[in-house]
Amino acid sequence: MIKKLPALFALLIALATLAACGNDDGDSQTSETQTAASGSEFNDADIAFTTDMMQHHAQALQMVDMTMGRKLDPAVQKLVEEIRAAQAPEIEQMNDWLVDWGQPAPETGRDHSNAHGDGEMEMDQEMPGMMSSEDMDRLQAAGGDEFQQMWLEMMIEHHKGAIEMAQTEQAEGVNPDAMKMAEAIESSQQAEITIMEKLLRS
C-alpha cells in the first residue's frame, strides 16, 4: 500500500490540474468578444458598463428632477440642465446597444419617456457613487441652501463613481462606441466635479 501512495498522489495532482484548467477555460469564455447581428463587437465588460451606467445615469436624473421648483444659484441651475441634456440621451443610446447585443435592458424609471423618477425604484446601490434610498430621501426632504449644498456634495460623489466605471470600461471593453462614451463621461464629469467643488467653496 505504501508503495502505491506516490502514484496515488500523482493521480490526485493530475486531476486537480485538469479541473483548474477546466475552470480557467470557463472564465475566459465569459470575457470573449462576441459579435452582434449588426456586426458590432462587445464583451462582458461592455455589457456590465452599459447596464450599470444606465441605472447610474437614471439616479443622477432623479437628483436633477428633485431640483424642479427649487430656487438655485444660476451656476447650479446651469449645471443641472447640462447634466440633464447629456445623460438622458446617453441612457437611450445605451439601451439601443443592449438591444443590439441581445441583452436585457435594466429598468431605470425613465424608460424611453424621460418620465420623472420618484426615487423609490430599486437599483444596485453597490455600484460606485450610487446613493442609498435613505440618501435620496434626505435630499428630497432638504430645503433652501441645505438642499443645494447636499445636492452638490452628492452629485460629486455620484460623478466620481461614474468616472470609476468609465475607466474600467476603457481598460476592459472592446466596443468602440461604448469605450468612446466612457471616455466622454470621464472627461465631462471630471470637469463638472471641478465646477461643483468651486461652487461649494464659494
N, C-alpha and C. Protein backbone atom coordinates (compact mmCIF):
# COMPACT_ATOMS: atom_id res chain seq x y z
N MET A 1 0.83 -1.21 0.00
CA MET A 1 0.00 0.00 0.00
C MET A 1 0.87 1.25 0.00
N ILE A 2 1.95 1.21 0.83
CA ILE A 2 2.83 2.38 0.93
C ILE A 2 3.46 2.68 -0.42
N LYS A 3 3.83 1.60 -1.16
CA LYS A 3 4.47 1.80 -2.46
C LYS A 3 3.53 2.46 -3.46
N LYS A 4 2.24 2.30 -3.24
CA LYS A 4 1.26 2.86 -4.18
C LYS A 4 0.94 4.33 -3.90
N LEU A 5 1.35 4.85 -2.73
CA LEU A 5 1.00 6.23 -2.35
C LEU A 5 1.53 7.27 -3.33
N PRO A 6 2.81 7.19 -3.77
CA PRO A 6 3.29 8.20 -4.74
C PRO A 6 2.45 8.25 -6.00
N ALA A 7 2.07 7.09 -6.51
CA ALA A 7 1.25 7.05 -7.72
C ALA A 7 -0.12 7.66 -7.47
N LEU A 8 -0.66 7.41 -6.27
CA LEU A 8 -1.97 7.96 -5.92
C LEU A 8 -1.91 9.48 -5.84
N PHE A 9 -0.84 9.99 -5.20
CA PHE A 9 -0.67 11.44 -5.10
C PHE A 9 -0.52 12.07 -6.49
N ALA A 10 0.23 11.40 -7.36
CA ALA A 10 0.42 11.92 -8.71
C ALA A 10 -0.90 11.99 -9.46
N LEU A 11 -1.73 10.97 -9.24
CA LEU A 11 -3.04 10.95 -9.90
C LEU A 11 -3.92 12.08 -9.40
N LEU A 12 -3.91 12.32 -8.08
CA LEU A 12 -4.72 13.39 -7.49
C LEU A 12 -4.28 14.76 -8.00
N ILE A 13 -2.96 14.95 -8.09
CA ILE A 13 -2.43 16.23 -8.60
C ILE A 13 -2.84 16.44 -10.04
N ALA A 14 -2.78 15.38 -10.84
CA ALA A 14 -3.17 15.49 -12.26
C ALA A 14 -4.64 15.85 -12.39
N LEU A 15 -5.48 15.23 -11.57
CA LEU A 15 -6.91 15.53 -11.62
C LEU A 15 -7.18 16.97 -11.21
N ALA A 16 -6.48 17.42 -10.18
CA ALA A 16 -6.66 18.81 -9.73
C ALA A 16 -6.24 19.79 -10.80
N THR A 17 -5.15 19.48 -11.50
CA THR A 17 -4.67 20.36 -12.57
C THR A 17 -5.68 20.44 -13.71
N LEU A 18 -6.25 19.28 -14.06
CA LEU A 18 -7.26 19.27 -15.12
C LEU A 18 -8.49 20.08 -14.73
N ALA A 19 -8.88 19.97 -13.48
CA ALA A 19 -10.05 20.72 -13.01
C ALA A 19 -9.79 22.21 -13.07
N ALA A 20 -8.56 22.60 -12.66
CA ALA A 20 -8.21 24.02 -12.69
C ALA A 20 -8.21 24.54 -14.11
N CYS A 21 -7.68 23.75 -15.03
CA CYS A 21 -7.66 24.17 -16.44
C CYS A 21 -9.07 24.31 -16.97
N GLY A 22 -9.93 23.38 -16.55
CA GLY A 22 -11.33 23.47 -16.99
C GLY A 22 -11.99 24.73 -16.51
N ASN A 23 -11.69 25.12 -15.25
CA ASN A 23 -12.27 26.35 -14.71
C ASN A 23 -11.72 27.56 -15.41
N ASP A 24 -10.42 27.53 -15.76
CA ASP A 24 -9.83 28.67 -16.46
C ASP A 24 -10.49 28.88 -17.80
N ASP A 25 -10.75 27.78 -18.50
CA ASP A 25 -11.38 27.88 -19.80
C ASP A 25 -12.76 28.50 -19.68
N GLY A 26 -13.48 28.10 -18.61
CA GLY A 26 -14.82 28.64 -18.43
C GLY A 26 -14.79 30.13 -18.17
N ASP A 27 -13.79 30.58 -17.35
CA ASP A 27 -13.69 32.00 -17.04
C ASP A 27 -13.35 32.81 -18.28
N SER A 28 -12.44 32.26 -19.12
CA SER A 28 -12.01 33.02 -20.29
C SER A 28 -13.14 33.16 -21.29
N GLN A 29 -14.02 32.17 -21.33
CA GLN A 29 -15.12 32.22 -22.29
C GLN A 29 -16.08 33.36 -21.97
N THR A 30 -16.19 33.70 -20.66
CA THR A 30 -17.15 34.74 -20.28
C THR A 30 -16.71 36.12 -20.75
N SER A 31 -15.41 36.29 -21.03
CA SER A 31 -14.93 37.60 -21.44
C SER A 31 -14.57 37.65 -22.92
N GLU A 32 -14.90 36.60 -23.65
CA GLU A 32 -14.60 36.58 -25.07
C GLU A 32 -15.42 37.62 -25.81
N THR A 33 -14.84 38.15 -26.88
CA THR A 33 -15.55 39.11 -27.72
C THR A 33 -16.66 38.40 -28.49
N GLN A 34 -17.83 39.00 -28.48
CA GLN A 34 -18.97 38.48 -29.23
C GLN A 34 -19.32 39.47 -30.34
N THR A 35 -20.03 38.98 -31.35
CA THR A 35 -20.44 39.83 -32.46
C THR A 35 -21.95 39.82 -32.59
N ALA A 36 -22.54 41.02 -32.55
CA ALA A 36 -23.99 41.15 -32.69
C ALA A 36 -24.40 40.96 -34.14
N ALA A 37 -25.71 40.80 -34.36
CA ALA A 37 -26.22 40.64 -35.72
C ALA A 37 -25.87 41.84 -36.58
N SER A 38 -25.75 43.00 -35.96
CA SER A 38 -25.41 44.22 -36.70
C SER A 38 -23.94 44.27 -37.09
N GLY A 39 -23.15 43.37 -36.49
CA GLY A 39 -21.72 43.36 -36.77
C GLY A 39 -20.90 44.02 -35.69
N SER A 40 -21.53 44.66 -34.72
CA SER A 40 -20.78 45.32 -33.65
C SER A 40 -20.23 44.28 -32.67
N GLU A 41 -19.01 44.52 -32.20
CA GLU A 41 -18.37 43.61 -31.27
C GLU A 41 -18.53 44.12 -29.84
N PHE A 42 -18.66 43.19 -28.90
CA PHE A 42 -18.81 43.56 -27.50
C PHE A 42 -18.36 42.40 -26.63
N ASN A 43 -18.09 42.69 -25.35
CA ASN A 43 -17.76 41.63 -24.41
C ASN A 43 -18.49 41.88 -23.09
N ASP A 44 -18.18 41.07 -22.08
CA ASP A 44 -18.88 41.19 -20.81
C ASP A 44 -18.66 42.55 -20.16
N ALA A 45 -17.47 43.12 -20.33
CA ALA A 45 -17.19 44.43 -19.75
C ALA A 45 -18.09 45.50 -20.37
N ASP A 46 -18.32 45.41 -21.67
CA ASP A 46 -19.21 46.35 -22.34
C ASP A 46 -20.64 46.21 -21.82
N ILE A 47 -21.09 44.96 -21.65
CA ILE A 47 -22.44 44.71 -21.14
C ILE A 47 -22.59 45.27 -19.73
N ALA A 48 -21.60 44.98 -18.87
CA ALA A 48 -21.67 45.45 -17.49
C ALA A 48 -21.66 46.97 -17.42
N PHE A 49 -20.78 47.59 -18.18
CA PHE A 49 -20.70 49.05 -18.19
C PHE A 49 -22.02 49.67 -18.64
N THR A 50 -22.56 49.17 -19.73
CA THR A 50 -23.78 49.74 -20.30
C THR A 50 -24.97 49.54 -19.37
N THR A 51 -25.12 48.34 -18.84
CA THR A 51 -26.23 48.03 -17.94
C THR A 51 -26.16 48.87 -16.67
N ASP A 52 -24.96 48.92 -16.08
CA ASP A 52 -24.81 49.65 -14.82
C ASP A 52 -24.89 51.17 -15.03
N MET A 53 -24.30 51.66 -16.12
CA MET A 53 -24.30 53.11 -16.32
C MET A 53 -25.70 53.63 -16.62
N MET A 54 -26.54 52.81 -17.25
CA MET A 54 -27.93 53.23 -17.45
C MET A 54 -28.60 53.53 -16.12
N GLN A 55 -28.40 52.64 -15.15
CA GLN A 55 -29.00 52.83 -13.83
C GLN A 55 -28.34 54.00 -13.10
N HIS A 56 -27.04 54.12 -13.27
CA HIS A 56 -26.28 55.20 -12.62
C HIS A 56 -26.77 56.55 -13.13
N HIS A 57 -26.88 56.67 -14.46
CA HIS A 57 -27.39 57.91 -15.05
C HIS A 57 -28.82 58.18 -14.59
N ALA A 58 -29.63 57.14 -14.50
CA ALA A 58 -31.02 57.32 -14.11
C ALA A 58 -31.13 57.94 -12.71
N GLN A 59 -30.25 57.50 -11.80
CA GLN A 59 -30.30 58.10 -10.47
C GLN A 59 -29.85 59.56 -10.50
N ALA A 60 -28.85 59.86 -11.32
CA ALA A 60 -28.43 61.26 -11.46
C ALA A 60 -29.58 62.12 -11.97
N LEU A 61 -30.36 61.58 -12.90
CA LEU A 61 -31.50 62.32 -13.43
C LEU A 61 -32.62 62.44 -12.40
N GLN A 62 -32.74 61.48 -11.51
CA GLN A 62 -33.70 61.62 -10.41
C GLN A 62 -33.29 62.78 -9.51
N MET A 63 -31.98 62.91 -9.28
CA MET A 63 -31.48 64.03 -8.49
C MET A 63 -31.70 65.35 -9.22
N VAL A 64 -31.55 65.33 -10.53
CA VAL A 64 -31.84 66.51 -11.34
C VAL A 64 -33.32 66.88 -11.21
N ASP A 65 -34.19 65.87 -11.28
CA ASP A 65 -35.63 66.13 -11.18
C ASP A 65 -36.00 66.76 -9.84
N MET A 66 -35.25 66.42 -8.79
CA MET A 66 -35.55 66.98 -7.46
C MET A 66 -35.32 68.48 -7.39
N THR A 67 -34.57 69.04 -8.34
CA THR A 67 -34.31 70.48 -8.33
C THR A 67 -35.49 71.28 -8.87
N MET A 68 -36.43 70.62 -9.52
CA MET A 68 -37.54 71.34 -10.14
C MET A 68 -38.38 72.07 -9.09
N GLY A 69 -38.64 73.36 -9.34
CA GLY A 69 -39.42 74.17 -8.42
C GLY A 69 -38.63 74.73 -7.26
N ARG A 70 -37.33 74.45 -7.21
CA ARG A 70 -36.50 74.96 -6.12
C ARG A 70 -35.66 76.15 -6.62
N LYS A 71 -35.34 77.03 -5.71
CA LYS A 71 -34.53 78.19 -6.04
C LYS A 71 -33.06 77.81 -5.93
N LEU A 72 -32.35 77.85 -7.05
CA LEU A 72 -30.94 77.50 -7.09
C LEU A 72 -30.13 78.70 -7.58
N ASP A 73 -28.85 78.71 -7.22
CA ASP A 73 -27.96 79.71 -7.80
C ASP A 73 -27.90 79.49 -9.31
N PRO A 74 -27.77 80.57 -10.09
CA PRO A 74 -27.75 80.41 -11.56
C PRO A 74 -26.70 79.42 -12.05
N ALA A 75 -25.53 79.41 -11.43
CA ALA A 75 -24.47 78.49 -11.86
C ALA A 75 -24.87 77.04 -11.60
N VAL A 76 -25.57 76.80 -10.49
CA VAL A 76 -26.02 75.44 -10.18
C VAL A 76 -27.13 75.03 -11.13
N GLN A 77 -28.04 75.96 -11.42
CA GLN A 77 -29.13 75.66 -12.36
C GLN A 77 -28.58 75.32 -13.75
N LYS A 78 -27.55 76.03 -14.16
CA LYS A 78 -26.91 75.75 -15.46
C LYS A 78 -26.32 74.35 -15.47
N LEU A 79 -25.68 73.98 -14.38
CA LEU A 79 -25.10 72.64 -14.27
C LEU A 79 -26.18 71.56 -14.32
N VAL A 80 -27.29 71.81 -13.63
CA VAL A 80 -28.41 70.88 -13.63
C VAL A 80 -28.89 70.60 -15.06
N GLU A 81 -29.06 71.66 -15.84
CA GLU A 81 -29.55 71.50 -17.21
C GLU A 81 -28.53 70.79 -18.09
N GLU A 82 -27.26 71.04 -17.84
CA GLU A 82 -26.22 70.36 -18.63
C GLU A 82 -26.21 68.86 -18.35
N ILE A 83 -26.39 68.49 -17.08
CA ILE A 83 -26.44 67.07 -16.73
C ILE A 83 -27.65 66.40 -17.37
N ARG A 84 -28.79 67.09 -17.32
CA ARG A 84 -30.00 66.54 -17.93
C ARG A 84 -29.80 66.35 -19.44
N ALA A 85 -29.24 67.36 -20.09
CA ALA A 85 -29.08 67.32 -21.55
C ALA A 85 -28.09 66.24 -21.98
N ALA A 86 -27.10 65.94 -21.15
CA ALA A 86 -26.09 64.95 -21.52
C ALA A 86 -26.53 63.52 -21.21
N GLN A 87 -27.11 63.30 -20.06
CA GLN A 87 -27.31 61.94 -19.58
C GLN A 87 -28.60 61.29 -20.09
N ALA A 88 -29.64 62.06 -20.32
CA ALA A 88 -30.87 61.45 -20.83
C ALA A 88 -30.65 60.80 -22.20
N PRO A 89 -30.01 61.48 -23.16
CA PRO A 89 -29.75 60.82 -24.46
C PRO A 89 -28.80 59.64 -24.34
N GLU A 90 -27.86 59.71 -23.40
CA GLU A 90 -26.92 58.59 -23.23
C GLU A 90 -27.65 57.33 -22.74
N ILE A 91 -28.66 57.50 -21.90
CA ILE A 91 -29.46 56.35 -21.46
C ILE A 91 -30.12 55.69 -22.67
N GLU A 92 -30.70 56.50 -23.54
CA GLU A 92 -31.36 55.96 -24.73
C GLU A 92 -30.36 55.24 -25.63
N GLN A 93 -29.18 55.82 -25.79
CA GLN A 93 -28.14 55.21 -26.64
C GLN A 93 -27.70 53.87 -26.07
N MET A 94 -27.49 53.82 -24.75
CA MET A 94 -27.05 52.57 -24.13
C MET A 94 -28.13 51.50 -24.21
N ASN A 95 -29.38 51.91 -24.10
CA ASN A 95 -30.48 50.96 -24.26
C ASN A 95 -30.45 50.34 -25.67
N ASP A 96 -30.19 51.17 -26.66
CA ASP A 96 -30.12 50.68 -28.05
C ASP A 96 -28.98 49.66 -28.21
N TRP A 97 -27.85 49.92 -27.54
CA TRP A 97 -26.74 48.97 -27.63
C TRP A 97 -27.13 47.62 -27.04
N LEU A 98 -27.78 47.62 -25.89
CA LEU A 98 -28.16 46.36 -25.26
C LEU A 98 -29.15 45.58 -26.14
N VAL A 99 -30.07 46.29 -26.76
CA VAL A 99 -31.00 45.64 -27.68
C VAL A 99 -30.23 45.00 -28.83
N ASP A 100 -29.27 45.73 -29.39
CA ASP A 100 -28.46 45.23 -30.49
C ASP A 100 -27.66 44.00 -30.08
N TRP A 101 -27.19 43.99 -28.83
CA TRP A 101 -26.37 42.89 -28.34
C TRP A 101 -27.21 41.72 -27.83
N GLY A 102 -28.53 41.84 -27.88
CA GLY A 102 -29.40 40.78 -27.40
C GLY A 102 -29.39 40.63 -25.89
N GLN A 103 -29.18 41.76 -25.19
CA GLN A 103 -29.11 41.75 -23.73
C GLN A 103 -30.32 42.47 -23.14
N PRO A 104 -30.77 42.05 -21.96
CA PRO A 104 -31.89 42.73 -21.32
C PRO A 104 -31.48 44.11 -20.82
N ALA A 105 -32.33 45.09 -21.02
CA ALA A 105 -32.06 46.44 -20.52
C ALA A 105 -32.67 46.59 -19.13
N PRO A 106 -31.95 47.21 -18.21
CA PRO A 106 -32.49 47.39 -16.86
C PRO A 106 -33.59 48.44 -16.83
N GLU A 107 -34.50 48.32 -15.90
CA GLU A 107 -35.49 49.37 -15.69
C GLU A 107 -34.80 50.55 -15.03
N THR A 108 -35.12 51.73 -15.50
CA THR A 108 -34.46 52.92 -14.95
C THR A 108 -35.42 53.94 -14.38
N GLY A 109 -36.72 53.75 -14.55
CA GLY A 109 -37.66 54.75 -14.09
C GLY A 109 -37.86 55.87 -15.09
N ARG A 110 -37.07 55.84 -16.18
CA ARG A 110 -37.17 56.89 -17.20
C ARG A 110 -37.22 56.26 -18.58
N ASP A 111 -37.64 55.00 -18.63
CA ASP A 111 -37.55 54.24 -19.87
C ASP A 111 -38.27 54.91 -21.03
N HIS A 112 -37.47 55.37 -22.00
CA HIS A 112 -37.95 55.85 -23.31
C HIS A 112 -38.88 57.05 -23.25
N SER A 113 -39.15 57.57 -22.06
CA SER A 113 -40.10 58.68 -22.00
C SER A 113 -39.58 59.85 -21.18
N ASN A 114 -38.39 59.66 -20.57
CA ASN A 114 -37.84 60.67 -19.67
C ASN A 114 -38.84 61.04 -18.59
N ALA A 115 -39.60 60.05 -18.15
CA ALA A 115 -40.54 60.30 -17.06
C ALA A 115 -39.78 60.59 -15.78
N HIS A 116 -40.38 61.38 -14.90
CA HIS A 116 -39.69 61.73 -13.67
C HIS A 116 -39.67 60.52 -12.75
N GLY A 117 -38.46 60.19 -12.24
CA GLY A 117 -38.35 59.12 -11.27
C GLY A 117 -38.85 59.58 -9.92
N ASP A 118 -39.29 58.63 -9.09
CA ASP A 118 -39.80 59.00 -7.78
C ASP A 118 -38.81 58.70 -6.68
N GLY A 119 -37.61 58.20 -7.06
CA GLY A 119 -36.59 57.95 -6.07
C GLY A 119 -36.80 56.66 -5.30
N GLU A 120 -37.87 55.91 -5.59
CA GLU A 120 -38.17 54.71 -4.83
C GLU A 120 -37.82 53.43 -5.58
N MET A 121 -37.40 53.54 -6.82
CA MET A 121 -37.12 52.35 -7.60
C MET A 121 -35.88 51.66 -7.09
N GLU A 122 -35.91 50.33 -7.03
CA GLU A 122 -34.77 49.56 -6.56
C GLU A 122 -33.69 49.56 -7.63
N MET A 123 -32.50 50.01 -7.26
CA MET A 123 -31.36 49.97 -8.16
C MET A 123 -30.17 49.42 -7.38
N ASP A 124 -29.16 48.98 -8.10
CA ASP A 124 -27.98 48.39 -7.48
C ASP A 124 -27.17 49.48 -6.78
N GLN A 125 -27.29 49.53 -5.46
CA GLN A 125 -26.61 50.56 -4.69
C GLN A 125 -25.15 50.20 -4.42
N GLU A 126 -24.70 49.03 -4.91
CA GLU A 126 -23.31 48.63 -4.74
C GLU A 126 -22.42 49.26 -5.82
N MET A 127 -23.04 49.83 -6.85
CA MET A 127 -22.24 50.48 -7.89
C MET A 127 -21.53 51.71 -7.31
N PRO A 128 -20.34 52.03 -7.81
CA PRO A 128 -19.60 53.18 -7.30
C PRO A 128 -20.41 54.47 -7.39
N GLY A 129 -20.47 55.21 -6.29
CA GLY A 129 -21.12 56.51 -6.29
C GLY A 129 -22.62 56.51 -6.17
N MET A 130 -23.24 55.34 -6.12
CA MET A 130 -24.70 55.29 -6.03
C MET A 130 -25.17 55.71 -4.65
N MET A 131 -26.23 56.51 -4.61
CA MET A 131 -26.83 56.94 -3.36
C MET A 131 -27.80 55.86 -2.87
N SER A 132 -27.92 55.73 -1.57
CA SER A 132 -28.90 54.81 -1.00
C SER A 132 -30.28 55.47 -1.05
N SER A 133 -31.31 54.68 -0.83
CA SER A 133 -32.67 55.24 -0.80
C SER A 133 -32.79 56.24 0.34
N GLU A 134 -32.07 56.00 1.43
CA GLU A 134 -32.10 56.94 2.56
C GLU A 134 -31.46 58.27 2.16
N ASP A 135 -30.36 58.20 1.41
CA ASP A 135 -29.71 59.43 0.92
C ASP A 135 -30.67 60.23 0.05
N MET A 136 -31.36 59.53 -0.83
CA MET A 136 -32.29 60.20 -1.74
C MET A 136 -33.45 60.82 -0.97
N ASP A 137 -33.92 60.14 0.06
CA ASP A 137 -35.00 60.68 0.89
C ASP A 137 -34.54 61.93 1.63
N ARG A 138 -33.31 61.92 2.14
CA ARG A 138 -32.78 63.09 2.84
C ARG A 138 -32.66 64.27 1.89
N LEU A 139 -32.21 64.01 0.67
CA LEU A 139 -32.08 65.09 -0.31
C LEU A 139 -33.45 65.67 -0.64
N GLN A 140 -34.41 64.80 -0.86
CA GLN A 140 -35.76 65.26 -1.19
C GLN A 140 -36.35 66.11 -0.08
N ALA A 141 -36.04 65.76 1.17
CA ALA A 141 -36.62 66.46 2.32
C ALA A 141 -35.89 67.75 2.65
N ALA A 142 -34.68 67.93 2.13
CA ALA A 142 -33.89 69.13 2.44
C ALA A 142 -34.52 70.35 1.79
N GLY A 143 -34.27 71.49 2.39
CA GLY A 143 -34.83 72.73 1.84
C GLY A 143 -33.79 73.83 1.74
N GLY A 144 -34.08 74.81 0.89
CA GLY A 144 -33.25 76.00 0.78
C GLY A 144 -31.81 75.71 0.44
N ASP A 145 -30.91 76.44 1.14
CA ASP A 145 -29.47 76.31 0.89
C ASP A 145 -28.97 74.92 1.24
N GLU A 146 -29.62 74.28 2.23
CA GLU A 146 -29.21 72.93 2.62
C GLU A 146 -29.36 71.97 1.44
N PHE A 147 -30.47 72.11 0.71
CA PHE A 147 -30.68 71.23 -0.45
C PHE A 147 -29.58 71.43 -1.48
N GLN A 148 -29.27 72.68 -1.81
CA GLN A 148 -28.28 72.94 -2.84
C GLN A 148 -26.91 72.39 -2.46
N GLN A 149 -26.51 72.60 -1.20
CA GLN A 149 -25.21 72.09 -0.76
C GLN A 149 -25.21 70.56 -0.77
N MET A 150 -26.26 69.95 -0.27
CA MET A 150 -26.34 68.50 -0.24
C MET A 150 -26.34 67.94 -1.65
N TRP A 151 -27.07 68.59 -2.54
CA TRP A 151 -27.15 68.13 -3.93
C TRP A 151 -25.77 68.15 -4.59
N LEU A 152 -25.02 69.23 -4.38
CA LEU A 152 -23.68 69.33 -4.96
C LEU A 152 -22.76 68.26 -4.39
N GLU A 153 -22.80 68.06 -3.09
CA GLU A 153 -21.93 67.06 -2.46
C GLU A 153 -22.26 65.66 -2.96
N MET A 154 -23.55 65.36 -3.06
CA MET A 154 -23.95 64.03 -3.51
C MET A 154 -23.63 63.81 -4.98
N MET A 155 -23.81 64.86 -5.78
CA MET A 155 -23.53 64.71 -7.21
C MET A 155 -22.03 64.56 -7.47
N ILE A 156 -21.21 65.17 -6.66
CA ILE A 156 -19.76 64.98 -6.79
C ILE A 156 -19.41 63.51 -6.57
N GLU A 157 -19.95 62.93 -5.50
CA GLU A 157 -19.68 61.52 -5.22
C GLU A 157 -20.24 60.63 -6.32
N HIS A 158 -21.41 60.99 -6.82
CA HIS A 158 -22.04 60.23 -7.90
C HIS A 158 -21.17 60.27 -9.15
N HIS A 159 -20.67 61.44 -9.48
CA HIS A 159 -19.80 61.60 -10.65
C HIS A 159 -18.50 60.80 -10.49
N LYS A 160 -17.93 60.81 -9.29
CA LYS A 160 -16.70 60.06 -9.06
C LYS A 160 -16.92 58.57 -9.33
N GLY A 161 -18.09 58.08 -8.93
CA GLY A 161 -18.42 56.69 -9.21
C GLY A 161 -18.52 56.41 -10.69
N ALA A 162 -19.16 57.33 -11.42
CA ALA A 162 -19.29 57.17 -12.87
C ALA A 162 -17.93 57.16 -13.55
N ILE A 163 -17.03 58.00 -13.08
CA ILE A 163 -15.68 58.06 -13.65
C ILE A 163 -14.96 56.73 -13.43
N GLU A 164 -15.12 56.16 -12.23
CA GLU A 164 -14.50 54.86 -11.95
C GLU A 164 -15.03 53.79 -12.90
N MET A 165 -16.33 53.78 -13.12
CA MET A 165 -16.94 52.81 -14.04
C MET A 165 -16.46 53.04 -15.47
N ALA A 166 -16.35 54.30 -15.86
CA ALA A 166 -15.91 54.63 -17.21
C ALA A 166 -14.46 54.21 -17.44
N GLN A 167 -13.64 54.36 -16.42
CA GLN A 167 -12.24 53.95 -16.55
C GLN A 167 -12.11 52.43 -16.70
N THR A 168 -12.95 51.70 -15.98
CA THR A 168 -12.95 50.24 -16.10
C THR A 168 -13.34 49.82 -17.52
N GLU A 169 -14.35 50.49 -18.07
CA GLU A 169 -14.78 50.18 -19.43
C GLU A 169 -13.67 50.45 -20.43
N GLN A 170 -12.96 51.55 -20.28
CA GLN A 170 -11.88 51.87 -21.21
C GLN A 170 -10.74 50.86 -21.12
N ALA A 171 -10.56 50.28 -19.94
CA ALA A 171 -9.48 49.31 -19.76
C ALA A 171 -9.87 47.91 -20.21
N GLU A 172 -11.17 47.56 -20.10
CA GLU A 172 -11.57 46.17 -20.31
C GLU A 172 -12.56 45.96 -21.46
N GLY A 173 -13.21 47.01 -21.94
CA GLY A 173 -14.20 46.87 -23.00
C GLY A 173 -13.56 46.71 -24.37
N VAL A 174 -14.39 46.32 -25.35
CA VAL A 174 -13.91 46.19 -26.72
C VAL A 174 -14.80 46.94 -27.71
N ASN A 175 -16.01 47.32 -27.29
CA ASN A 175 -16.91 48.00 -28.22
C ASN A 175 -16.47 49.45 -28.39
N PRO A 176 -16.16 49.88 -29.60
CA PRO A 176 -15.63 51.23 -29.81
C PRO A 176 -16.59 52.33 -29.34
N ASP A 177 -17.89 52.15 -29.59
CA ASP A 177 -18.85 53.18 -29.21
C ASP A 177 -18.97 53.30 -27.70
N ALA A 178 -19.02 52.15 -27.02
CA ALA A 178 -19.12 52.17 -25.56
C ALA A 178 -17.86 52.77 -24.94
N MET A 179 -16.71 52.43 -25.50
CA MET A 179 -15.45 52.96 -24.98
C MET A 179 -15.35 54.47 -25.22
N LYS A 180 -15.86 54.91 -26.36
CA LYS A 180 -15.86 56.35 -26.66
C LYS A 180 -16.77 57.09 -25.70
N MET A 181 -17.95 56.51 -25.40
CA MET A 181 -18.84 57.14 -24.43
C MET A 181 -18.19 57.18 -23.05
N ALA A 182 -17.53 56.10 -22.68
CA ALA A 182 -16.86 56.05 -21.38
C ALA A 182 -15.81 57.16 -21.27
N GLU A 183 -15.08 57.36 -22.34
CA GLU A 183 -14.07 58.43 -22.35
C GLU A 183 -14.72 59.80 -22.20
N ALA A 184 -15.85 59.98 -22.89
CA ALA A 184 -16.57 61.26 -22.81
C ALA A 184 -17.14 61.48 -21.41
N ILE A 185 -17.66 60.41 -20.80
CA ILE A 185 -18.20 60.52 -19.45
C ILE A 185 -17.10 60.90 -18.47
N GLU A 186 -15.96 60.25 -18.58
CA GLU A 186 -14.85 60.57 -17.68
C GLU A 186 -14.45 62.04 -17.82
N SER A 187 -14.32 62.51 -19.04
CA SER A 187 -13.87 63.88 -19.28
C SER A 187 -14.90 64.91 -18.80
N SER A 188 -16.17 64.72 -19.20
CA SER A 188 -17.20 65.71 -18.88
C SER A 188 -17.51 65.73 -17.39
N GLN A 189 -17.56 64.55 -16.77
CA GLN A 189 -17.93 64.53 -15.36
C GLN A 189 -16.79 64.99 -14.46
N GLN A 190 -15.55 64.79 -14.89
CA GLN A 190 -14.44 65.36 -14.14
C GLN A 190 -14.48 66.88 -14.19
N ALA A 191 -14.81 67.43 -15.35
CA ALA A 191 -14.94 68.89 -15.47
C ALA A 191 -16.08 69.41 -14.60
N GLU A 192 -17.19 68.66 -14.54
CA GLU A 192 -18.31 69.08 -13.70
C GLU A 192 -17.98 68.98 -12.22
N ILE A 193 -17.17 67.99 -11.83
CA ILE A 193 -16.73 67.90 -10.44
C ILE A 193 -15.94 69.14 -10.06
N THR A 194 -15.06 69.57 -10.94
CA THR A 194 -14.27 70.78 -10.68
C THR A 194 -15.18 71.99 -10.47
N ILE A 195 -16.20 72.10 -11.30
CA ILE A 195 -17.16 73.22 -11.16
C ILE A 195 -17.91 73.12 -9.84
N MET A 196 -18.38 71.92 -9.49
CA MET A 196 -19.16 71.75 -8.26
C MET A 196 -18.31 72.01 -7.02
N GLU A 197 -17.06 71.59 -7.05
CA GLU A 197 -16.17 71.85 -5.91
C GLU A 197 -15.95 73.35 -5.72
N LYS A 198 -15.82 74.08 -6.82
CA LYS A 198 -15.68 75.55 -6.74
C LYS A 198 -16.95 76.18 -6.20
N LEU A 199 -18.10 75.67 -6.62
CA LEU A 199 -19.39 76.21 -6.14
C LEU A 199 -19.54 75.99 -4.64
N LEU A 200 -19.08 74.85 -4.14
CA LEU A 200 -19.18 74.58 -2.70
C LEU A 200 -18.27 75.50 -1.90
N ARG A 201 -17.17 75.91 -2.51
CA ARG A 201 -16.23 76.80 -1.81
C ARG A 201 -16.64 78.26 -1.87
N SER A 202 -17.55 78.59 -2.79
CA SER A 202 -17.92 80.00 -2.99
C SER A 202 -18.95 80.47 -1.97
